[in-house]
Amino acid sequence: MATAAVSVTCLRAVVASSSSSSSSSSCYFYSRRHLPTTSRTPKFAKPHFVSLPSFVASRPLVVAASAMSYDKEFAAAKKAASLAARLCQKVQKELLQSDVQSKSDRSPVTVADYGSQAIVSFVLERELSTEPLSLVAEEDSGDLRKDSGKDTLQRITKHVNETIATDGSYSASPLSPEDVLRAIDTGKSEGGSFGRHWVLDPIDGTKGFLRGDQYAVALALLDDGKVVLGVLACPNLPLASIAGNVTSENAVGCLFYAKVGSGTFMQSLDGSSPVKVHVSDIGNSEDASFFESYEKAHSMQDLTSSIARKLGVKAPPVRIDSQAKYGALSRGDGAIYMRFPHKGYREKIWDHAAGCIVVTEAGGVATDAAGQPLDFSKGRYLDLDTGIIVTNQKLMPSLLKAVRESLEEKSSSL
């Protein structure tokens, strides 16, 4: 077959595997070199759907067919996540300094959760005032509107106003408690496959937050069901690599951000110069290390151990909370991330949307356990096969094989 380059900005490809035809909302992006070509480069006046050869159709693929740069949205997302992280840092510091704290007391994380969501909503509405705001988020104001929630609401409002004031770019009067409630409730959107929807986890990793450990503010934008940008603010993640659970640097606070077709960047939350990051290029699974959830309740660690053995992985797992794992993976701290929730659990889109594009734009691959792309177009939940696996393109075939074999063994032993 003769070849000619096909621009990634010309096509929106909907790829179907042999068992599925709904992979159009994956956040697994392929660059120009992966696209099939013909002797003539097609010229479209607007996005067209095209048929792809089986060697590509067997892999999840999304190609952005937008001439839009999302620059304004990107800047707003980075600002919103950074300010929300600032509020969370302050609340966590107060929690850790308290002499009467209890790990079972969820009030600090409640204040941070709601406050983070209110700030993100506020910033997006101010920065993108000409666009309707649709926000798919974890919290709503129901409990705060009860008499029992009044004191908590006052604390949230205080933290939100103090955080907004530190930015200095918003001169409006302080927000009232009712303003905060309205901001929180913008997160009631159901998302879907049409239009633009922001996706937010105001604090991903609440148990890590309470321990003084890893958590993230995770914000992404869907456009017609596809993840087009994502930001991860990870206040406690070291700027240096955490490979092997060891870091020689005390500086913490990372901001990861990615936009479709533009790669992934990292900078400190304090605003250092950004650096472009890339996933590990390890091709031998024996040399790989892998991330998994810190909490046993969040993933079947016996299954991930079985998969690691089949791959010949020698390094022990790196277990941390939240989508900080996606950020660490995007800069090559490890080569694999596996998540296999216990039966009956449904993954929410806010737990993976931002992390997914951060990894894929850094050259990684994110699929479910069957190798199908993660579909964020179905509403608030991810309907997927068994679990989520993330790695580089070299390791994905062997990882999928090990996953399949381990799942078959687990099933036959029941």
Protein backbone atom coordinates (compact mmCIF):
# COMPACT_ATOMS: atom_id res chain seq x y z
CA MET A 1 0.00 0.00 0.00
CA ALA A 2 1.35 3.42 -0.89
CA THR A 3 1.45 5.82 2.00
CA ALA A 4 0.92 9.48 2.70
CA ALA A 5 0.65 11.26 6.05
CA VAL A 6 -2.85 11.91 7.35
CA SER A 7 -3.13 14.88 9.71
CA VAL A 8 -4.49 14.07 13.14
CA THR A 9 -6.50 17.27 13.09
CA CYS A 10 -8.47 16.12 10.04
CA LEU A 11 -9.95 12.93 11.41
CA ARG A 12 -12.20 11.78 14.19
CA ALA A 13 -11.93 8.05 14.04
CA VAL A 14 -14.43 5.76 15.64
CA VAL A 15 -12.75 2.43 16.13
CA ALA A 16 -14.57 -0.82 16.75
CA SER A 17 -12.93 -3.99 17.90
CA SER A 18 -14.28 -7.37 16.91
CA SER A 19 -16.43 -7.44 20.03
CA SER A 20 -17.44 -3.82 20.43
CA SER A 21 -18.37 -0.80 18.36
CA SER A 22 -18.40 1.81 21.09
CA SER A 23 -14.77 2.73 21.50
CA SER A 24 -15.11 6.27 20.26
CA SER A 25 -14.76 7.80 23.69
CA SER A 26 -11.46 6.29 24.67
CA CYS A 27 -8.75 8.51 25.98
CA TYR A 28 -6.09 6.40 24.25
CA PHE A 29 -4.62 8.73 21.66
CA TYR A 30 -2.48 7.72 18.71
CA SER A 31 -0.12 10.05 16.97
CA ARG A 32 0.26 10.58 13.23
CA ARG A 33 2.58 7.65 12.79
CA HIS A 34 -0.06 5.15 13.97
CA LEU A 35 -2.69 6.14 11.43
CA PRO A 36 -3.32 4.06 8.31
CA THR A 37 -2.63 5.93 5.12
CA THR A 38 -3.53 5.81 1.46
CA SER A 39 -1.96 7.06 -1.71
CA ARG A 40 -4.07 10.19 -1.50
CA THR A 41 -4.53 12.31 1.58
CA PRO A 42 -8.28 12.95 2.01
CA LYS A 43 -9.30 16.55 2.45
CA PHE A 44 -12.43 17.05 4.51
CA ALA A 45 -14.35 20.27 4.96
CA LYS A 46 -15.54 18.92 8.30
CA PRO A 47 -14.87 15.85 10.49
CA HIS A 48 -15.69 12.53 8.81
CA PHE A 49 -15.87 9.01 10.16
CA VAL A 50 -13.53 6.61 8.42
CA SER A 51 -12.98 2.88 8.35
CA LEU A 52 -9.64 1.64 9.59
CA PRO A 53 -7.75 -1.59 8.86
CA SER A 54 -7.98 -4.39 11.41
CA PHE A 55 -4.47 -3.83 12.75
CA VAL A 56 -5.57 -0.41 13.99
CA ALA A 57 -9.20 -1.25 14.67
CA SER A 58 -8.07 -3.85 17.17
CA ARG A 59 -6.66 -1.04 19.33
CA PRO A 60 -8.61 1.73 21.06
CA LEU A 61 -8.21 5.02 19.23
CA VAL A 62 -9.42 8.56 19.42
CA VAL A 63 -8.19 11.27 17.12
CA ALA A 64 -9.23 14.82 17.85
CA ALA A 65 -11.13 16.31 14.92
CA SER A 66 -11.19 19.77 16.38
CA ALA A 67 -9.46 22.84 15.13
CA MET A 68 -10.12 24.31 18.57
CA SER A 69 -7.14 24.65 20.82
CA TYR A 70 -9.03 24.68 24.16
CA ASP A 71 -6.47 27.21 25.35
CA LYS A 72 -8.95 29.28 27.35
CA GLU A 73 -10.47 26.19 28.96
CA PHE A 74 -7.02 24.80 29.67
CA ALA A 75 -5.91 27.94 31.50
CA ALA A 76 -9.15 28.02 33.51
CA ALA A 77 -8.76 24.36 34.49
CA LYS A 78 -5.19 24.84 35.73
CA LYS A 79 -6.20 27.88 37.74
CA ALA A 80 -9.27 26.17 39.23
CA ALA A 81 -7.40 23.01 40.26
CA SER A 82 -4.49 24.97 41.72
CA LEU A 83 -6.74 27.17 43.85
CA ALA A 84 -8.77 24.17 45.00
CA ALA A 85 -5.54 22.43 45.99
CA ARG A 86 -4.55 25.52 47.99
CA LEU A 87 -7.75 25.26 50.03
CA CYS A 88 -7.21 21.52 50.57
CA GLN A 89 -3.64 22.08 51.74
CA LYS A 90 -4.78 24.57 54.35
CA VAL A 91 -7.55 22.31 55.64
CA GLN A 92 -5.23 19.30 55.77
CA LYS A 93 -2.59 21.27 57.64
CA GLU A 94 -5.15 22.31 60.26
CA LEU A 95 -6.27 18.69 60.54
CA LEU A 96 -2.76 17.34 61.07
CA GLN A 97 -1.92 20.02 63.65
CA SER A 98 -5.02 19.33 65.69
CA ASP A 99 -4.50 17.64 69.06
CA VAL A 100 -8.02 16.22 69.09
CA GLN A 101 -8.30 14.72 65.64
CA SER A 102 -9.91 11.37 64.95
CA LYS A 103 -9.42 9.31 61.82
CA SER A 104 -13.14 8.49 61.96
CA ASP A 105 -14.05 12.18 61.95
CA ARG A 106 -14.86 13.06 58.35
CA SER A 107 -15.60 16.75 58.96
CA PRO A 108 -12.20 18.02 57.74
CA VAL A 109 -12.39 16.09 54.50
CA THR A 110 -16.01 17.21 54.15
CA VAL A 111 -14.97 20.86 54.38
CA ALA A 112 -12.18 20.30 51.86
CA ASP A 113 -14.37 18.27 49.47
CA TYR A 114 -17.15 20.83 49.34
CA GLY A 115 -14.78 23.79 49.38
CA SER A 116 -12.71 22.38 46.54
CA GLN A 117 -15.81 21.79 44.42
CA ALA A 118 -17.16 25.27 45.14
CA ILE A 119 -13.87 26.90 44.12
CA VAL A 120 -13.59 24.93 40.87
CA SER A 121 -17.16 25.84 39.98
CA PHE A 122 -16.56 29.50 40.84
CA VAL A 123 -13.38 29.77 38.76
CA LEU A 124 -14.79 27.97 35.72
CA GLU A 125 -17.89 30.18 35.74
CA ARG A 126 -15.80 33.36 36.05
CA GLU A 127 -13.12 32.41 33.52
CA LEU A 128 -15.54 30.93 30.98
CA SER A 129 -18.50 33.22 31.54
CA THR A 130 -19.66 33.08 27.91
CA GLU A 131 -20.13 29.31 28.03
CA PRO A 132 -22.79 27.33 29.91
CA LEU A 133 -21.19 25.31 32.70
CA SER A 134 -21.96 21.61 32.91
CA LEU A 135 -20.06 19.98 35.76
CA VAL A 136 -20.12 16.28 36.63
CA ALA A 137 -18.86 16.12 40.21
CA GLU A 138 -19.04 14.01 43.32
CA GLU A 139 -20.73 16.32 45.83
CA ASP A 140 -24.08 18.07 46.18
CA SER A 141 -25.31 20.45 48.84
CA GLY A 142 -28.12 18.32 50.27
CA ASP A 143 -26.55 17.67 53.68
CA LEU A 144 -25.27 21.23 53.99
CA ARG A 145 -28.80 22.62 53.63
CA LYS A 146 -29.94 20.75 56.74
CA ASP A 147 -29.80 22.36 60.18
CA SER A 148 -27.05 19.93 61.14
CA GLY A 149 -24.91 21.22 58.27
CA LYS A 150 -25.02 24.94 59.05
CA ASP A 151 -21.79 25.08 61.03
CA THR A 152 -19.96 23.08 58.37
CA LEU A 153 -21.31 25.40 55.68
CA GLN A 154 -19.96 28.42 57.54
CA ARG A 155 -16.52 26.82 57.73
CA ILE A 156 -16.61 25.96 54.03
CA THR A 157 -17.66 29.50 53.09
CA LYS A 158 -14.85 30.97 55.18
CA HIS A 159 -12.22 28.74 53.54
CA VAL A 160 -13.56 29.39 50.04
CA ASN A 161 -13.50 33.17 50.44
CA GLU A 162 -10.03 33.18 52.02
CA THR A 163 -8.67 31.03 49.19
CA ILE A 164 -10.22 33.14 46.44
CA ALA A 165 -8.78 36.26 48.09
CA THR A 166 -5.24 34.84 47.89
CA ASP A 167 -5.49 34.77 44.11
CA GLY A 168 -6.09 38.50 43.84
CA SER A 169 -7.78 38.42 40.44
CA TYR A 170 -11.38 38.39 41.65
CA SER A 171 -12.58 41.66 43.14
CA ALA A 172 -16.23 40.77 43.72
CA SER A 173 -17.79 40.73 47.16
CA PRO A 174 -17.17 37.62 49.27
CA LEU A 175 -19.41 34.68 48.51
CA SER A 176 -22.37 34.12 50.79
CA PRO A 177 -23.25 30.66 52.11
CA GLU A 178 -26.03 30.52 49.50
CA ASP A 179 -23.51 31.37 46.77
CA VAL A 180 -21.34 28.47 47.94
CA LEU A 181 -24.31 26.09 47.94
CA ARG A 182 -25.18 27.11 44.38
CA ALA A 183 -21.57 26.65 43.28
CA ILE A 184 -21.48 23.16 44.76
CA ASP A 185 -24.72 22.21 43.05
CA THR A 186 -23.43 23.01 39.59
CA GLY A 187 -21.85 19.56 39.89
CA LYS A 188 -25.16 17.76 39.35
CA SER A 189 -24.73 17.31 35.61
CA GLU A 190 -25.09 13.76 34.27
CA GLY A 191 -22.52 14.22 31.49
CA GLY A 192 -23.03 12.21 28.32
CA SER A 193 -21.88 11.92 24.73
CA PHE A 194 -22.99 15.35 23.48
CA GLY A 195 -21.69 18.79 24.31
CA ARG A 196 -19.08 19.85 26.82
CA HIS A 197 -18.96 18.56 30.37
CA TRP A 198 -16.38 19.24 33.04
CA VAL A 199 -15.60 16.25 35.26
CA LEU A 200 -14.34 16.83 38.80
CA ASP A 201 -13.21 14.85 41.78
CA PRO A 202 -12.71 17.62 44.36
CA ILE A 203 -10.61 15.33 46.56
CA ASP A 204 -9.61 12.03 45.04
CA GLY A 205 -8.16 9.90 47.82
CA THR A 206 -10.05 11.00 50.91
CA LYS A 207 -8.39 8.40 53.13
CA GLY A 208 -4.98 9.57 51.98
CA PHE A 209 -6.06 13.12 52.77
CA LEU A 210 -7.00 12.15 56.32
CA ARG A 211 -3.68 10.33 56.80
CA GLY A 212 -1.73 13.34 55.58
CA ASP A 213 -0.74 11.32 52.53
CA GLN A 214 -1.51 11.40 48.80
CA TYR A 215 -4.65 12.90 47.29
CA ALA A 216 -5.47 14.86 44.15
CA VAL A 217 -7.83 17.48 42.77
CA ALA A 218 -8.75 15.96 39.41
CA LEU A 219 -10.43 18.04 36.69
CA ALA A 220 -11.08 17.09 33.07
CA LEU A 221 -13.12 18.35 30.14
CA LEU A 222 -15.22 16.11 27.90
CA ASP A 223 -16.20 17.29 24.44
CA ASP A 224 -18.82 15.05 22.84
CA GLY A 225 -17.84 12.29 25.24
CA LYS A 226 -14.11 12.49 24.64
CA VAL A 227 -11.53 13.65 27.17
CA VAL A 228 -9.82 16.67 25.61
CA LEU A 229 -7.91 18.06 28.59
CA GLY A 230 -7.10 17.13 32.15
CA VAL A 231 -5.41 18.59 35.21
CA LEU A 232 -4.17 16.78 38.33
CA ALA A 233 -3.16 18.86 41.34
CA CYS A 234 -1.25 16.59 43.74
CA PRO A 235 -0.27 18.67 46.79
CA ASN A 236 1.72 15.94 48.58
CA LEU A 237 3.41 14.24 45.63
CA PRO A 238 7.19 14.82 45.60
CA LEU A 239 8.57 16.68 42.62
CA ALA A 240 11.27 14.00 42.43
CA SER A 241 10.53 10.43 41.37
CA ILE A 242 8.88 8.12 43.88
CA ALA A 243 10.16 4.99 42.11
CA GLY A 244 10.80 2.30 44.68
CA ASN A 245 8.95 4.34 47.32
CA VAL A 246 12.12 6.40 47.76
CA THR A 247 12.72 10.07 47.05
CA SER A 248 15.81 12.10 47.83
CA GLU A 249 14.00 15.42 47.61
CA ASN A 250 11.68 16.97 50.17
CA ALA A 251 9.92 19.38 47.81
CA VAL A 252 6.31 18.36 47.21
CA GLY A 253 3.32 19.64 45.27
CA CYS A 254 2.89 18.72 41.60
CA LEU A 255 0.57 20.00 38.91
CA PHE A 256 0.17 17.71 35.90
CA TYR A 257 -1.76 18.87 32.87
CA ALA A 258 -2.46 17.56 29.40
CA LYS A 259 -4.39 18.70 26.36
CA VAL A 260 -5.28 16.53 23.38
CA GLY A 261 -2.44 16.46 20.88
CA SER A 262 -0.13 18.59 23.04
CA GLY A 263 1.56 16.17 25.42
CA THR A 264 1.70 16.18 29.22
CA PHE A 265 3.52 18.68 31.40
CA MET A 266 4.40 18.89 35.08
CA GLN A 267 5.29 21.84 37.26
CA SER A 268 5.27 22.58 40.96
CA LEU A 269 2.08 23.90 42.48
CA ASP A 270 4.15 26.96 43.42
CA GLY A 271 4.48 27.77 39.74
CA SER A 272 7.90 26.58 38.56
CA SER A 273 8.66 26.28 34.85
CA PRO A 274 6.79 23.33 33.32
CA VAL A 275 8.64 20.29 32.01
CA LYS A 276 7.28 17.85 29.45
CA VAL A 277 6.98 14.33 30.82
CA HIS A 278 6.77 10.89 29.24
CA VAL A 279 5.88 7.45 30.47
CA SER A 280 8.57 4.85 31.04
CA ASP A 281 9.95 3.23 27.87
CA ILE A 282 10.70 -0.09 29.59
CA GLY A 283 10.03 -2.99 27.26
CA ASN A 284 11.00 -5.88 29.53
CA SER A 285 8.30 -6.54 32.12
CA GLU A 286 10.87 -8.01 34.52
CA ASP A 287 12.35 -4.54 34.87
CA ALA A 288 8.98 -2.88 35.43
CA SER A 289 7.43 -1.69 38.66
CA PHE A 290 3.74 -1.18 39.21
CA PHE A 291 1.34 1.06 41.08
CA GLU A 292 -1.83 -0.02 42.80
CA SER A 293 -4.27 1.38 45.35
CA TYR A 294 -3.06 1.89 48.90
CA GLU A 295 -6.29 0.54 50.36
CA LYS A 296 -6.96 -3.19 49.97
CA ALA A 297 -10.67 -2.42 49.79
CA HIS A 298 -10.12 -0.45 46.57
CA SER A 299 -8.51 -3.21 44.50
CA MET A 300 -7.96 -6.98 44.54
CA GLN A 301 -4.31 -7.05 45.47
CA ASP A 302 -4.15 -10.86 45.25
CA LEU A 303 -5.07 -10.56 41.57
CA THR A 304 -2.49 -7.86 40.86
CA SER A 305 0.14 -9.99 42.61
CA SER A 306 -0.72 -12.91 40.34
CA ILE A 307 -0.42 -10.72 37.25
CA ALA A 308 2.91 -9.33 38.43
CA ARG A 309 4.27 -12.85 38.91
CA LYS A 310 3.26 -13.84 35.39
CA LEU A 311 5.05 -10.77 34.07
CA GLY A 312 8.15 -11.61 36.09
CA VAL A 313 8.02 -8.27 37.90
CA LYS A 314 10.66 -8.27 40.64
CA ALA A 315 9.98 -4.91 42.29
CA PRO A 316 7.37 -4.71 45.06
CA PRO A 317 4.21 -2.72 44.28
CA VAL A 318 4.12 1.01 44.94
CA ARG A 319 0.87 1.65 46.79
CA ILE A 320 -0.44 5.20 46.96
CA ASP A 321 -3.86 6.83 47.05
CA SER A 322 -5.67 8.74 44.35
CA GLN A 323 -4.98 9.72 40.75
CA ALA A 324 -1.54 10.82 41.89
CA LYS A 325 -0.67 7.34 40.53
CA TYR A 326 -1.53 8.54 37.02
CA GLY A 327 0.68 11.58 37.47
CA ALA A 328 3.60 9.52 38.75
CA LEU A 329 3.15 7.03 35.92
CA SER A 330 3.10 9.82 33.32
CA ARG A 331 6.62 10.92 34.31
CA GLY A 332 8.01 7.37 34.38
CA ASP A 333 8.12 6.68 38.13
CA GLY A 334 6.69 3.24 37.36
CA ALA A 335 5.62 1.36 34.25
CA ILE A 336 2.26 -0.20 35.14
CA TYR A 337 -0.88 0.73 37.07
CA MET A 338 -3.51 -1.92 37.81
CA ARG A 339 -6.89 -1.46 39.48
CA PHE A 340 -9.34 -4.32 39.97
CA PRO A 341 -12.24 -3.25 42.19
CA HIS A 342 -14.19 -5.83 44.12
CA LYS A 343 -17.35 -7.25 42.59
CA GLY A 344 -20.30 -4.87 42.52
CA TYR A 345 -18.29 -1.65 42.47
CA ARG A 346 -18.93 0.76 39.60
CA GLU A 347 -16.14 3.10 38.60
CA LYS A 348 -17.05 6.79 38.39
CA ILE A 349 -15.77 8.89 35.53
CA TRP A 350 -14.28 11.52 37.87
CA ASP A 351 -11.94 8.90 39.33
CA HIS A 352 -10.15 8.41 35.99
CA ALA A 353 -10.92 11.08 33.35
CA ALA A 354 -8.14 13.54 34.23
CA GLY A 355 -5.61 10.83 35.00
CA CYS A 356 -6.36 9.02 31.78
CA ILE A 357 -5.48 11.89 29.47
CA VAL A 358 -2.47 12.83 31.60
CA VAL A 359 -1.06 9.34 30.95
CA THR A 360 -2.11 8.93 27.32
CA GLU A 361 -0.74 12.30 26.27
CA ALA A 362 2.52 11.23 27.91
CA GLY A 363 2.62 8.23 25.58
CA GLY A 364 0.80 5.70 27.73
CA VAL A 365 -2.15 3.38 27.17
CA ALA A 366 -5.25 3.05 29.38
CA THR A 367 -7.83 0.31 28.86
CA ASP A 368 -10.15 -1.98 30.77
CA ALA A 369 -9.10 -5.53 31.58
CA ALA A 370 -10.23 -6.73 28.15
CA GLY A 371 -8.17 -4.14 26.30
CA GLN A 372 -11.14 -1.94 25.48
CA PRO A 373 -10.84 1.85 25.74
CA LEU A 374 -12.27 3.69 28.71
CA ASP A 375 -15.57 5.21 27.62
CA PHE A 376 -16.45 8.45 29.41
CA SER A 377 -19.53 9.20 27.29
CA LYS A 378 -22.09 7.10 29.19
CA GLY A 379 -22.84 9.44 32.06
CA ARG A 380 -21.44 9.43 35.58
CA TYR A 381 -20.18 5.84 35.51
CA LEU A 382 -17.61 3.86 33.56
CA ASP A 383 -19.08 0.58 32.32
CA LEU A 384 -16.06 -1.60 31.80
CA ASP A 385 -14.72 -5.12 31.96
CA THR A 386 -13.44 -6.08 35.43
CA GLY A 387 -10.76 -3.44 35.96
CA ILE A 388 -8.40 -0.80 34.58
CA ILE A 389 -4.83 -1.28 33.38
CA VAL A 390 -2.40 1.43 32.35
CA THR A 391 1.09 1.08 30.93
CA ASN A 392 3.26 1.99 27.93
CA GLN A 393 2.69 0.68 24.42
CA LYS A 394 5.54 -1.83 24.61
CA LEU A 395 4.25 -3.60 27.71
CA MET A 396 0.52 -3.56 26.97
CA PRO A 397 0.39 -6.84 24.93
CA SER A 398 2.14 -8.87 27.63
CA LEU A 399 0.14 -7.13 30.37
CA LEU A 400 -3.16 -7.97 28.69
CA LYS A 401 -2.06 -11.60 28.31
CA ALA A 402 -1.11 -11.85 31.99
CA VAL A 403 -4.39 -10.21 33.01
CA ARG A 404 -6.43 -12.60 30.90
CA GLU A 405 -4.64 -15.67 32.25
CA SER A 406 -4.92 -14.54 35.86
CA LEU A 407 -8.63 -13.77 35.52
CA GLU A 408 -9.23 -17.19 33.97
CA GLU A 409 -7.38 -18.87 36.82
CA LYS A 410 -9.31 -16.88 39.40
CA SER A 411 -12.61 -17.77 37.74
CA SER A 412 -11.81 -21.49 37.53
CA SER A 413 -10.88 -21.61 41.22
CA LEU A 414 -14.26 -20.30 42.38
